[in-house]
């Protein structure tokens, strides 16, 4: 599992900063980077991905911004790197989450 040292040595890529600015809040690069790192440090929802070398962090209120940060282990750097940021609104329902037994129906054709 992740150690506090893993989190303290995170590198935030320029792409992740840009995605934060576009998808979450239009802040300066330095502020966006600080919010990404602060959100990851405060988050309680961390999930290691199936490859074992990456993880997803989800921030929630009371943190000012809700987002998901995807991090991978960079062998060259020897530590984790934040690769991208996506919206993490807890109110959003995903299409994948369908009730059991519910089927997709096609629209009816009107006949003249």
PDB file of N, CA and C in Angstrom:
ATOM      1  N   UNK A   1       0.842  -1.196   0.000  1.00  0.00           N
ATOM      2  CA  UNK A   1       0.000   0.000   0.000  1.00  0.00           C
ATOM      3  C   UNK A   1       0.879   1.248   0.000  1.00  0.00           C
ATOM      4  N   UNK A   2       0.271   2.379  -0.214  1.00  0.00           N
ATOM      5  CA  UNK A   2       1.000   3.641  -0.293  1.00  0.00           C
ATOM      6  C   UNK A   2       1.459   4.099   1.077  1.00  0.00           C
ATOM      7  N   UNK A   3       2.646   4.639   1.093  1.00  0.00           N
ATOM      8  CA  UNK A   3       3.183   5.195   2.325  1.00  0.00           C
ATOM      9  C   UNK A   3       3.108   6.715   2.259  1.00  0.00           C
ATOM     10  N   UNK A   4       3.202   7.396   3.397  1.00  0.00           N
ATOM     11  CA  UNK A   4       3.238   8.861   3.363  1.00  0.00           C
ATOM     12  C   UNK A   4       4.389   9.396   2.504  1.00  0.00           C
ATOM     13  N   UNK A   5       5.493   8.649   2.444  1.00  0.00           N
ATOM     14  CA  UNK A   5       6.618   9.070   1.610  1.00  0.00           C
ATOM     15  C   UNK A   5       6.240   9.010   0.128  1.00  0.00           C
ATOM     16  N   UNK A   6       5.469   7.978  -0.267  1.00  0.00           N
ATOM     17  CA  UNK A   6       5.012   7.886  -1.654  1.00  0.00           C
ATOM     18  C   UNK A   6       4.208   9.127  -2.029  1.00  0.00           C
ATOM     19  N   UNK A   7       3.343   9.551  -1.143  1.00  0.00           N
ATOM     20  CA  UNK A   7       2.483  10.697  -1.417  1.00  0.00           C
ATOM     21  C   UNK A   7       3.288  11.993  -1.396  1.00  0.00           C
ATOM     22  N   UNK A   8       4.248  12.096  -0.494  1.00  0.00           N
ATOM     23  CA  UNK A   8       5.029  13.333  -0.418  1.00  0.00           C
ATOM     24  C   UNK A   8       5.948  13.513  -1.619  1.00  0.00           C
ATOM     25  N   UNK A   9       6.312  12.429  -2.296  1.00  0.00           N
ATOM     26  CA  UNK A   9       7.211  12.538  -3.446  1.00  0.00           C
ATOM     27  C   UNK A   9       6.474  12.519  -4.778  1.00  0.00           C
ATOM     28  N   UNK A  10       5.157  12.721  -4.766  1.00  0.00           N
ATOM     29  CA  UNK A  10       4.383  12.731  -6.010  1.00  0.00           C
ATOM     30  C   UNK A  10       4.837  13.849  -6.934  1.00  0.00           C
ATOM     31  N   UNK A  11       4.931  13.532  -8.208  1.00  0.00           N
ATOM     32  CA  UNK A  11       5.197  14.534  -9.229  1.00  0.00           C
ATOM     33  C   UNK A  11       3.902  14.726 -10.006  1.00  0.00           C
ATOM     34  N   UNK A  12       3.474  15.969 -10.182  1.00  0.00           N
ATOM     35  CA  UNK A  12       2.252  16.277 -10.927  1.00  0.00           C
ATOM     36  C   UNK A  12       2.663  16.711 -12.326  1.00  0.00           C
ATOM     37  N   UNK A  13       2.230  15.950 -13.337  1.00  0.00           N
ATOM     38  CA  UNK A  13       2.613  16.261 -14.714  1.00  0.00           C
ATOM     39  C   UNK A  13       1.930  17.538 -15.201  1.00  0.00           C
ATOM     40  N   UNK A  14       2.524  18.193 -16.181  1.00  0.00           N
ATOM     41  CA  UNK A  14       1.877  19.358 -16.776  1.00  0.00           C
ATOM     42  C   UNK A  14       0.490  19.019 -17.342  1.00  0.00           C
ATOM     43  N   UNK A  15       0.341  17.806 -17.875  1.00  0.00           N
ATOM     44  CA  UNK A  15      -0.967  17.381 -18.392  1.00  0.00           C
ATOM     45  C   UNK A  15      -2.013  17.352 -17.277  1.00  0.00           C
ATOM     46  N   UNK A  16      -1.642  16.826 -16.120  1.00  0.00           N
ATOM     47  CA  UNK A  16      -2.577  16.766 -14.991  1.00  0.00           C
ATOM     48  C   UNK A  16      -2.980  18.168 -14.551  1.00  0.00           C
ATOM     49  N   UNK A  17      -2.024  19.081 -14.515  1.00  0.00           N
ATOM     50  CA  UNK A  17      -2.320  20.471 -14.148  1.00  0.00           C
ATOM     51  C   UNK A  17      -3.280  21.081 -15.159  1.00  0.00           C
ATOM     52  N   UNK A  18      -3.012  20.873 -16.443  1.00  0.00           N
ATOM     53  CA  UNK A  18      -3.869  21.408 -17.502  1.00  0.00           C
ATOM     54  C   UNK A  18      -5.288  20.846 -17.401  1.00  0.00           C
ATOM     55  N   UNK A  19      -5.397  19.546 -17.147  1.00  0.00           N
ATOM     56  CA  UNK A  19      -6.719  18.932 -17.015  1.00  0.00           C
ATOM     57  C   UNK A  19      -7.454  19.476 -15.798  1.00  0.00           C
ATOM     58  N   UNK A  20      -6.760  19.706 -14.711  1.00  0.00           N
ATOM     59  CA  UNK A  20      -7.369  20.308 -13.522  1.00  0.00           C
ATOM     60  C   UNK A  20      -7.898  21.695 -13.870  1.00  0.00           C
ATOM     61  N   UNK A  21      -7.082  22.486 -14.562  1.00  0.00           N
ATOM     62  CA  UNK A  21      -7.488  23.841 -14.924  1.00  0.00           C
ATOM     63  C   UNK A  21      -8.704  23.836 -15.846  1.00  0.00           C
ATOM     64  N   UNK A  22      -8.764  22.907 -16.783  1.00  0.00           N
ATOM     65  CA  UNK A  22      -9.873  22.842 -17.734  1.00  0.00           C
ATOM     66  C   UNK A  22     -11.128  22.213 -17.135  1.00  0.00           C
ATOM     67  N   UNK A  23     -10.965  21.172 -16.343  1.00  0.00           N
ATOM     68  CA  UNK A  23     -12.108  20.386 -15.874  1.00  0.00           C
ATOM     69  C   UNK A  23     -12.617  20.761 -14.486  1.00  0.00           C
ATOM     70  N   UNK A  24     -11.745  21.317 -13.656  1.00  0.00           N
ATOM     71  CA  UNK A  24     -12.114  21.558 -12.261  1.00  0.00           C
ATOM     72  C   UNK A  24     -12.177  23.043 -11.931  1.00  0.00           C
ATOM     73  N   UNK A  25     -11.064  23.749 -12.066  1.00  0.00           N
ATOM     74  CA  UNK A  25     -11.025  25.169 -11.705  1.00  0.00           C
ATOM     75  C   UNK A  25      -9.934  25.885 -12.495  1.00  0.00           C
ATOM     76  N   UNK A  26     -10.248  27.045 -13.052  1.00  0.00           N
ATOM     77  CA  UNK A  26      -9.258  27.790 -13.832  1.00  0.00           C
ATOM     78  C   UNK A  26      -8.294  28.579 -12.938  1.00  0.00           C
ATOM     79  N   UNK A  27      -7.404  27.872 -12.288  1.00  0.00           N
ATOM     80  CA  UNK A  27      -6.417  28.484 -11.390  1.00  0.00           C
ATOM     81  C   UNK A  27      -5.073  28.577 -12.090  1.00  0.00           C
ATOM     82  N   UNK A  28      -4.161  29.313 -11.491  1.00  0.00           N
ATOM     83  CA  UNK A  28      -2.797  29.372 -12.027  1.00  0.00           C
ATOM     84  C   UNK A  28      -2.165  27.982 -11.902  1.00  0.00           C
ATOM     85  N   UNK A  29      -1.086  27.775 -12.634  1.00  0.00           N
ATOM     86  CA  UNK A  29      -0.417  26.479 -12.611  1.00  0.00           C
ATOM     87  C   UNK A  29       0.037  26.112 -11.200  1.00  0.00           C
ATOM     88  N   UNK A  30       0.632  27.058 -10.498  1.00  0.00           N
ATOM     89  CA  UNK A  30       1.137  26.788  -9.148  1.00  0.00           C
ATOM     90  C   UNK A  30      -0.002  26.445  -8.185  1.00  0.00           C
ATOM     91  N   UNK A  31      -1.094  27.203  -8.243  1.00  0.00           N
ATOM     92  CA  UNK A  31      -2.230  26.919  -7.355  1.00  0.00           C
ATOM     93  C   UNK A  31      -2.877  25.589  -7.698  1.00  0.00           C
ATOM     94  N   UNK A  32      -3.026  25.302  -8.978  1.00  0.00           N
ATOM     95  CA  UNK A  32      -3.624  24.027  -9.386  1.00  0.00           C
ATOM     96  C   UNK A  32      -2.783  22.863  -8.868  1.00  0.00           C
ATOM     97  N   UNK A  33      -1.480  22.965  -9.021  1.00  0.00           N
ATOM     98  CA  UNK A  33      -0.570  21.914  -8.535  1.00  0.00           C
ATOM     99  C   UNK A  33      -0.707  21.738  -7.019  1.00  0.00           C
ATOM    100  N   UNK A  34      -0.784  22.855  -6.278  1.00  0.00           N
ATOM    101  CA  UNK A  34      -0.935  22.778  -4.812  1.00  0.00           C
ATOM    102  C   UNK A  34      -2.261  22.127  -4.429  1.00  0.00           C
ATOM    103  N   UNK A  35      -3.354  22.470  -5.133  1.00  0.00           N
ATOM    104  CA  UNK A  35      -4.643  21.863  -4.815  1.00  0.00           C
ATOM    105  C   UNK A  35      -4.665  20.372  -5.140  1.00  0.00           C
ATOM    106  N   UNK A  36      -4.026  19.988  -6.219  1.00  0.00           N
ATOM    107  CA  UNK A  36      -3.966  18.561  -6.562  1.00  0.00           C
ATOM    108  C   UNK A  36      -3.249  17.796  -5.451  1.00  0.00           C
ATOM    109  N   UNK A  37      -2.086  18.270  -5.050  1.00  0.00           N
ATOM    110  CA  UNK A  37      -1.321  17.583  -4.002  1.00  0.00           C
ATOM    111  C   UNK A  37      -2.047  17.602  -2.660  1.00  0.00           C
ATOM    112  N   UNK A  38      -2.657  18.739  -2.321  1.00  0.00           N
ATOM    113  CA  UNK A  38      -3.395  18.819  -1.054  1.00  0.00           C
ATOM    114  C   UNK A  38      -4.585  17.872  -1.063  1.00  0.00           C
ATOM    115  N   UNK A  39      -5.279  17.788  -2.184  1.00  0.00           N
ATOM    116  CA  UNK A  39      -6.417  16.882  -2.287  1.00  0.00           C
ATOM    117  C   UNK A  39      -6.015  15.433  -2.131  1.00  0.00           C
ATOM    118  N   UNK A  40      -4.900  15.061  -2.740  1.00  0.00           N
ATOM    119  CA  UNK A  40      -4.413  13.681  -2.635  1.00  0.00           C
ATOM    120  C   UNK A  40      -4.001  13.376  -1.203  1.00  0.00           C
ATOM    121  N   UNK A  41      -3.331  14.316  -0.550  1.00  0.00           N
ATOM    122  CA  UNK A  41      -2.897  14.093   0.841  1.00  0.00           C
ATOM    123  C   UNK A  41      -4.085  13.937   1.791  1.00  0.00           C
ATOM    124  N   UNK A  42      -5.162  14.680   1.553  1.00  0.00           N
ATOM    125  CA  UNK A  42      -6.322  14.652   2.448  1.00  0.00           C
ATOM    126  C   UNK A  42      -7.319  13.547   2.114  1.00  0.00           C
ATOM    127  N   UNK A  43      -7.217  12.971   0.946  1.00  0.00           N
ATOM    128  CA  UNK A  43      -8.213  11.996   0.494  1.00  0.00           C
ATOM    129  C   UNK A  43      -8.173  10.721   1.326  1.00  0.00           C
ATOM    130  N   UNK A  44      -9.341  10.189   1.565  1.00  0.00           N
ATOM    131  CA  UNK A  44      -9.462   8.912   2.264  1.00  0.00           C
ATOM    132  C   UNK A  44      -9.794   7.789   1.298  1.00  0.00           C
ATOM    133  N   UNK A  45     -10.189   8.158   0.086  1.00  0.00           N
ATOM    134  CA  UNK A  45     -10.603   7.174  -0.906  1.00  0.00           C
ATOM    135  C   UNK A  45      -9.489   6.962  -1.922  1.00  0.00           C
ATOM    136  N   UNK A  46      -8.638   5.964  -1.663  1.00  0.00           N
ATOM    137  CA  UNK A  46      -7.563   5.605  -2.590  1.00  0.00           C
ATOM    138  C   UNK A  46      -7.765   4.157  -2.986  1.00  0.00           C
ATOM    139  N   UNK A  47      -7.686   3.908  -4.264  1.00  0.00           N
ATOM    140  CA  UNK A  47      -7.888   2.536  -4.744  1.00  0.00           C
ATOM    141  C   UNK A  47      -6.731   2.134  -5.645  1.00  0.00           C
ATOM    142  N   UNK A  48      -6.046   1.065  -5.269  1.00  0.00           N
ATOM    143  CA  UNK A  48      -4.971   0.529  -6.096  1.00  0.00           C
ATOM    144  C   UNK A  48      -5.621  -0.169  -7.284  1.00  0.00           C
ATOM    145  N   UNK A  49      -5.108   0.098  -8.476  1.00  0.00           N
ATOM    146  CA  UNK A  49      -5.654  -0.495  -9.697  1.00  0.00           C
ATOM    147  C   UNK A  49      -5.160  -1.931  -9.849  1.00  0.00           C
ATOM    148  N   UNK A  50      -5.765  -2.659 -10.762  1.00  0.00           N
ATOM    149  CA  UNK A  50      -5.473  -4.087 -10.916  1.00  0.00           C
ATOM    150  C   UNK A  50      -4.033  -4.374 -11.329  1.00  0.00           C
ATOM    151  N   UNK A  51      -3.356  -3.413 -11.962  1.00  0.00           N
ATOM    152  CA  UNK A  51      -1.968  -3.657 -12.355  1.00  0.00           C
ATOM    153  C   UNK A  51      -1.000  -3.599 -11.177  1.00  0.00           C
ATOM    154  N   UNK A  52      -1.451  -3.058 -10.054  1.00  0.00           N
ATOM    155  CA  UNK A  52      -0.625  -2.966  -8.858  1.00  0.00           C
ATOM    156  C   UNK A  52       0.404  -1.845  -8.883  1.00  0.00           C
ATOM    157  N   UNK A  53       0.526  -1.156 -10.012  1.00  0.00           N
ATOM    158  CA  UNK A  53       1.502  -0.075 -10.146  1.00  0.00           C
ATOM    159  C   UNK A  53       0.850   1.297 -10.278  1.00  0.00           C
ATOM    160  N   UNK A  54      -0.453   1.336 -10.174  1.00  0.00           N
ATOM    161  CA  UNK A  54      -1.142   2.622 -10.277  1.00  0.00           C
ATOM    162  C   UNK A  54      -2.283   2.666  -9.271  1.00  0.00           C
ATOM    163  N   UNK A  55      -2.734   3.882  -8.995  1.00  0.00           N
ATOM    164  CA  UNK A  55      -3.856   4.030  -8.077  1.00  0.00           C
ATOM    165  C   UNK A  55      -4.680   5.244  -8.452  1.00  0.00           C
ATOM    166  N   UNK A  56      -5.910   5.263  -7.939  1.00  0.00           N
ATOM    167  CA  UNK A  56      -6.830   6.354  -8.162  1.00  0.00           C
ATOM    168  C   UNK A  56      -7.172   6.968  -6.825  1.00  0.00           C
ATOM    169  N   UNK A  57      -7.183   8.283  -6.759  1.00  0.00           N
ATOM    170  CA  UNK A  57      -7.520   9.003  -5.538  1.00  0.00           C
ATOM    171  C   UNK A  57      -8.765   9.817  -5.834  1.00  0.00           C
ATOM    172  N   UNK A  58      -9.725   9.767  -4.928  1.00  0.00           N
ATOM    173  CA  UNK A  58     -10.949  10.539  -5.107  1.00  0.00           C
ATOM    174  C   UNK A  58     -11.116  11.491  -3.926  1.00  0.00           C
ATOM    175  N   UNK A  59     -11.226  12.775  -4.239  1.00  0.00           N
ATOM    176  CA  UNK A  59     -11.439  13.771  -3.192  1.00  0.00           C
ATOM    177  C   UNK A  59     -12.928  14.021  -3.036  1.00  0.00           C
ATOM    178  N   UNK A  60     -13.316  14.390  -1.849  1.00  0.00           N
ATOM    179  CA  UNK A  60     -14.716  14.709  -1.548  1.00  0.00           C
ATOM    180  C   UNK A  60     -14.763  15.888  -0.604  1.00  0.00           C
ATOM    181  N   UNK A  61     -15.974  16.420  -0.439  1.00  0.00           N
ATOM    182  CA  UNK A  61     -16.165  17.520   0.512  1.00  0.00           C
ATOM    183  C   UNK A  61     -15.769  17.052   1.896  1.00  0.00           C
ATOM    184  N   UNK A  62     -15.169  17.859   2.706  1.00  0.00           N
ATOM    185  CA  UNK A  62     -15.120  19.314   2.695  1.00  0.00           C
ATOM    186  C   UNK A  62     -14.001  19.899   1.844  1.00  0.00           C
ATOM    187  N   UNK A  63     -13.198  19.078   1.150  1.00  0.00           N
ATOM    188  CA  UNK A  63     -12.176  19.635   0.271  1.00  0.00           C
ATOM    189  C   UNK A  63     -12.885  20.488  -0.780  1.00  0.00           C
ATOM    190  N   UNK A  64     -12.342  21.660  -1.127  1.00  0.00           N
ATOM    191  CA  UNK A  64     -13.053  22.598  -2.008  1.00  0.00           C
ATOM    192  C   UNK A  64     -13.371  22.070  -3.408  1.00  0.00           C
ATOM    193  N   UNK A  65     -12.615  21.101  -3.915  1.00  0.00           N
ATOM    194  CA  UNK A  65     -12.846  20.586  -5.262  1.00  0.00           C
ATOM    195  C   UNK A  65     -12.980  19.072  -5.215  1.00  0.00           C
ATOM    196  N   UNK A  66     -13.949  18.546  -5.963  1.00  0.00           N
ATOM    197  CA  UNK A  66     -14.092  17.100  -6.079  1.00  0.00           C
ATOM    198  C   UNK A  66     -13.467  16.672  -7.399  1.00  0.00           C
ATOM    199  N   UNK A  67     -12.485  15.790  -7.320  1.00  0.00           N
ATOM    200  CA  UNK A  67     -11.849  15.274  -8.528  1.00  0.00           C
ATOM    201  C   UNK A  67     -11.275  13.903  -8.249  1.00  0.00           C
ATOM    202  N   UNK A  68     -10.926  13.222  -9.336  1.00  0.00           N
ATOM    203  CA  UNK A  68     -10.214  11.954  -9.241  1.00  0.00           C
ATOM    204  C   UNK A  68      -8.854  12.144  -9.898  1.00  0.00           C
ATOM    205  N   UNK A  69      -7.823  11.748  -9.191  1.00  0.00           N
ATOM    206  CA  UNK A  69      -6.456  11.834  -9.700  1.00  0.00           C
ATOM    207  C   UNK A  69      -5.958  10.423  -9.980  1.00  0.00           C
ATOM    208  N   UNK A  70      -5.404  10.219 -11.162  1.00  0.00           N
ATOM    209  CA  UNK A  70      -4.853   8.916 -11.525  1.00  0.00           C
ATOM    210  C   UNK A  70      -3.333   9.006 -11.472  1.00  0.00           C
ATOM    211  N   UNK A  71      -2.736   8.076 -10.739  1.00  0.00           N
ATOM    212  CA  UNK A  71      -1.300   8.090 -10.490  1.00  0.00           C
ATOM    213  C   UNK A  71      -0.693   6.757 -10.896  1.00  0.00           C
ATOM    214  N   UNK A  72       0.490   6.818 -11.494  1.00  0.00           N
ATOM    215  CA  UNK A  72       1.216   5.602 -11.880  1.00  0.00           C
ATOM    216  C   UNK A  72       2.630   5.673 -11.319  1.00  0.00           C
ATOM    217  N   UNK A  73       3.236   4.516 -11.162  1.00  0.00           N
ATOM    218  CA  UNK A  73       4.613   4.466 -10.693  1.00  0.00           C
ATOM    219  C   UNK A  73       5.530   4.629 -11.885  1.00  0.00           C
ATOM    220  N   UNK A  74       6.397   5.632 -11.842  1.00  0.00           N
ATOM    221  CA  UNK A  74       7.349   5.913 -12.912  1.00  0.00           C
ATOM    222  C   UNK A  74       8.682   5.267 -12.539  1.00  0.00           C
ATOM    223  N   UNK A  75       9.068   4.264 -13.294  1.00  0.00           N
ATOM    224  CA  UNK A  75      10.303   3.533 -12.993  1.00  0.00           C
ATOM    225  C   UNK A  75      11.529   4.425 -13.111  1.00  0.00           C
ATOM    226  N   UNK A  76      11.552   5.353 -14.066  1.00  0.00           N
ATOM    227  CA  UNK A  76      12.709   6.235 -14.232  1.00  0.00           C
ATOM    228  C   UNK A  76      12.881   7.174 -13.043  1.00  0.00           C
ATOM    229  N   UNK A  77      11.769   7.713 -12.551  1.00  0.00           N
ATOM    230  CA  UNK A  77      11.839   8.637 -11.408  1.00  0.00           C
ATOM    231  C   UNK A  77      11.947   7.888 -10.080  1.00  0.00           C
ATOM    232  N   UNK A  78      11.411   6.683 -10.054  1.00  0.00           N
ATOM    233  CA  UNK A  78      11.444   5.895  -8.829  1.00  0.00           C
ATOM    234  C   UNK A  78      10.351   6.263  -7.839  1.00  0.00           C
ATOM    235  N   UNK A  79       9.303   6.941  -8.315  1.00  0.00           N
ATOM    236  CA  UNK A  79       8.176   7.286  -7.446  1.00  0.00           C
ATOM    237  C   UNK A  79       6.916   7.499  -8.286  1.00  0.00           C
ATOM    238  N   UNK A  80       5.807   7.772  -7.607  1.00  0.00           N
ATOM    239  CA  UNK A  80       4.519   7.922  -8.291  1.00  0.00           C
ATOM    240  C   UNK A  80       4.393   9.281  -8.965  1.00  0.00           C
ATOM    241  N   UNK A  81       3.637   9.290 -10.075  1.00  0.00           N
ATOM    242  CA  UNK A  81       3.408  10.477 -10.874  1.00  0.00           C
ATOM    243  C   UNK A  81       1.904  10.629 -11.084  1.00  0.00           C
ATOM    244  N   UNK A  82       1.371  11.839 -10.883  1.00  0.00           N
ATOM    245  CA  UNK A  82      -0.040  12.125 -11.170  1.00  0.00           C
ATOM    246  C   UNK A  82      -0.128  12.371 -12.671  1.00  0.00           C
ATOM    247  N   UNK A  83      -0.848  11.499 -13.376  1.00  0.00           N
ATOM    248  CA  UNK A  83      -0.891  11.590 -14.834  1.00  0.00           C
ATOM    249  C   UNK A  83      -2.070  12.391 -15.359  1.00  0.00           C
ATOM    250  N   UNK A  84      -3.228  12.301 -14.720  1.00  0.00           N
ATOM    251  CA  UNK A  84      -4.389  13.056 -15.191  1.00  0.00           C
ATOM    252  C   UNK A  84      -5.383  13.280 -14.073  1.00  0.00           C
ATOM    253  N   UNK A  85      -6.287  14.211 -14.315  1.00  0.00           N
ATOM    254  CA  UNK A  85      -7.333  14.578 -13.364  1.00  0.00           C
ATOM    255  C   UNK A  85      -8.658  14.554 -14.101  1.00  0.00           C
ATOM    256  N   UNK A  86      -9.678  13.958 -13.492  1.00  0.00           N
ATOM    257  CA  UNK A  86     -11.031  13.983 -14.055  1.00  0.00           C
ATOM    258  C   UNK A  86     -12.007  14.446 -12.983  1.00  0.00           C
ATOM    259  N   UNK A  87     -13.170  14.904 -13.432  1.00  0.00           N
ATOM    260  CA  UNK A  87     -14.191  15.345 -12.485  1.00  0.00           C
ATOM    261  C   UNK A  87     -14.564  14.189 -11.569  1.00  0.00           C
ATOM    262  N   UNK A  88     -14.852  14.502 -10.334  1.00  0.00           N
ATOM    263  CA  UNK A  88     -15.190  13.467  -9.370  1.00  0.00           C
ATOM    264  C   UNK A  88     -16.476  13.761  -8.645  1.00  0.00           C
ATOM    265  N   UNK A  89     -17.432  14.402  -9.322  1.00  0.00           N
ATOM    266  CA  UNK A  89     -18.685  14.748  -8.679  1.00  0.00           C
ATOM    267  C   UNK A  89     -19.378  13.503  -8.146  1.00  0.00           C
ATOM    268  N   UNK A  90     -19.714  13.512  -6.878  1.00  0.00           N
ATOM    269  CA  UNK A  90     -20.366  12.351  -6.277  1.00  0.00           C
ATOM    270  C   UNK A  90     -21.816  12.245  -6.729  1.00  0.00           C
ATOM    271  N   UNK A  91     -22.369  13.305  -7.311  1.00  0.00           N
ATOM    272  CA  UNK A  91     -23.758  13.276  -7.763  1.00  0.00           C
ATOM    273  C   UNK A  91     -23.923  12.671  -9.151  1.00  0.00           C
ATOM    274  N   UNK A  92     -22.843  12.482  -9.878  1.00  0.00           N
ATOM    275  CA  UNK A  92     -22.916  11.974 -11.234  1.00  0.00           C
ATOM    276  C   UNK A  92     -23.171  10.481 -11.204  1.00  0.00           C
ATOM    277  N   UNK A  93     -24.158  10.052 -11.983  1.00  0.00           N
ATOM    278  CA  UNK A  93     -24.431   8.623 -12.095  1.00  0.00           C
ATOM    279  C   UNK A  93     -23.830   8.129 -13.394  1.00  0.00           C
ATOM    280  N   UNK A  94     -23.121   7.055 -13.324  1.00  0.00           N
ATOM    281  CA  UNK A  94     -22.454   6.506 -14.491  1.00  0.00           C
ATOM    282  C   UNK A  94     -23.387   5.559 -15.236  1.00  0.00           C
ATOM    283  N   UNK A  95     -23.243   5.502 -16.540  1.00  0.00           N
ATOM    284  CA  UNK A  95     -24.078   4.625 -17.349  1.00  0.00           C
ATOM    285  C   UNK A  95     -23.835   3.165 -17.016  1.00  0.00           C
ATOM    286  N   UNK A  96     -22.630   2.843 -16.568  1.00  0.00           N
ATOM    287  CA  UNK A  96     -22.303   1.449 -16.251  1.00  0.00           C
ATOM    288  C   UNK A  96     -23.156   0.915 -15.109  1.00  0.00           C
ATOM    289  N   UNK A  97     -23.620   1.800 -14.257  1.00  0.00           N
ATOM    290  CA  UNK A  97     -24.361   1.371 -13.076  1.00  0.00           C
ATOM    291  C   UNK A  97     -25.838   1.209 -13.411  1.00  0.00           C
ATOM    292  N   UNK A  98     -26.187   0.100 -13.968  1.00  0.00           N
ATOM    293  CA  UNK A  98     -27.586  -0.196 -14.278  1.00  0.00           C
ATOM    294  C   UNK A  98     -28.097  -1.218 -13.275  1.00  0.00           C
ATOM    295  N   UNK A  99     -29.349  -1.096 -12.981  1.00  0.00           N
ATOM    296  CA  UNK A  99     -29.946  -2.054 -12.056  1.00  0.00           C
ATOM    297  C   UNK A  99     -29.960  -3.432 -12.708  1.00  0.00           C
ATOM    298  N   UNK A 100     -29.825  -4.458 -11.890  1.00  0.00           N
ATOM    299  CA  UNK A 100     -29.826  -5.828 -12.396  1.00  0.00           C
ATOM    300  C   UNK A 100     -31.150  -6.108 -13.100  1.00  0.00           C
ATOM    301  N   UNK A 101     -31.053  -6.692 -14.264  1.00  0.00           N
ATOM    302  CA  UNK A 101     -32.260  -7.056 -15.002  1.00  0.00           C
ATOM    303  C   UNK A 101     -32.786  -5.957 -15.911  1.00  0.00           C
ATOM    304  N   UNK A 102     -32.274  -4.772 -15.783  1.00  0.00           N
ATOM    305  CA  UNK A 102     -32.739  -3.682 -16.631  1.00  0.00           C
ATOM    306  C   UNK A 102     -32.091  -3.834 -18.000  1.00  0.00           C
ATOM    307  N   UNK A 103     -32.905  -3.756 -19.053  1.00  0.00           N
ATOM    308  CA  UNK A 103     -32.375  -3.891 -20.399  1.00  0.00           C
ATOM    309  C   UNK A 103     -32.564  -2.596 -21.157  1.00  0.00           C
ATOM    310  N   UNK A 104     -31.738  -2.409 -22.129  1.00  0.00           N
ATOM    311  CA  UNK A 104     -31.832  -1.232 -22.967  1.00  0.00           C
ATOM    312  C   UNK A 104     -32.859  -1.513 -24.054  1.00  0.00           C
ATOM    313  N   UNK A 105     -33.804  -0.629 -24.217  1.00  0.00           N
ATOM    314  CA  UNK A 105     -34.836  -0.830 -25.225  1.00  0.00           C
ATOM    315  C   UNK A 105     -34.629   0.151 -26.355  1.00  0.00           C
ATOM    316  N   UNK A 106     -35.003  -0.275 -27.541  1.00  0.00           N
ATOM    317  CA  UNK A 106     -34.874   0.610 -28.691  1.00  0.00           C
ATOM    318  C   UNK A 106     -36.143   1.446 -28.818  1.00  0.00           C
ATOM    319  N   UNK A 107     -36.030   2.639 -29.379  1.00  0.00           N
ATOM    320  CA  UNK A 107     -37.215   3.484 -29.516  1.00  0.00           C
ATOM    321  C   UNK A 107     -38.211   2.869 -30.478  1.00  0.00           C
ATOM    322  N   UNK A 108     -39.463   3.111 -30.223  1.00  0.00           N
ATOM    323  CA  UNK A 108     -40.515   2.562 -31.081  1.00  0.00           C
ATOM    324  C   UNK A 108     -40.550   3.319 -32.403  1.00  0.00           C
ATOM    325  N   UNK A 109     -40.822   2.562 -33.450  1.00  0.00           N
ATOM    326  CA  UNK A 109     -40.996   3.183 -34.765  1.00  0.00           C
ATOM    327  C   UNK A 109     -42.455   3.552 -34.919  1.00  0.00           C
ATOM    328  N   UNK A 110     -42.682   4.748 -35.402  1.00  0.00           N
ATOM    329  CA  UNK A 110     -44.059   5.162 -35.637  1.00  0.00           C
ATOM    330  C   UNK A 110     -44.493   4.667 -36.996  1.00  0.00           C
ATOM    331  N   UNK A 111     -45.700   4.161 -37.063  1.00  0.00           N
ATOM    332  CA  UNK A 111     -46.237   3.677 -38.338  1.00  0.00           C
ATOM    333  C   UNK A 111     -47.345   4.598 -38.784  1.00  0.00           C
ATOM    334  N   UNK A 112     -47.455   4.809 -40.065  1.00  0.00           N
ATOM    335  CA  UNK A 112     -48.493   5.692 -40.612  1.00  0.00           C
ATOM    336  C   UNK A 112     -49.706   4.917 -40.966  1.00  0.00           C
TER     337      UNK A 112
END
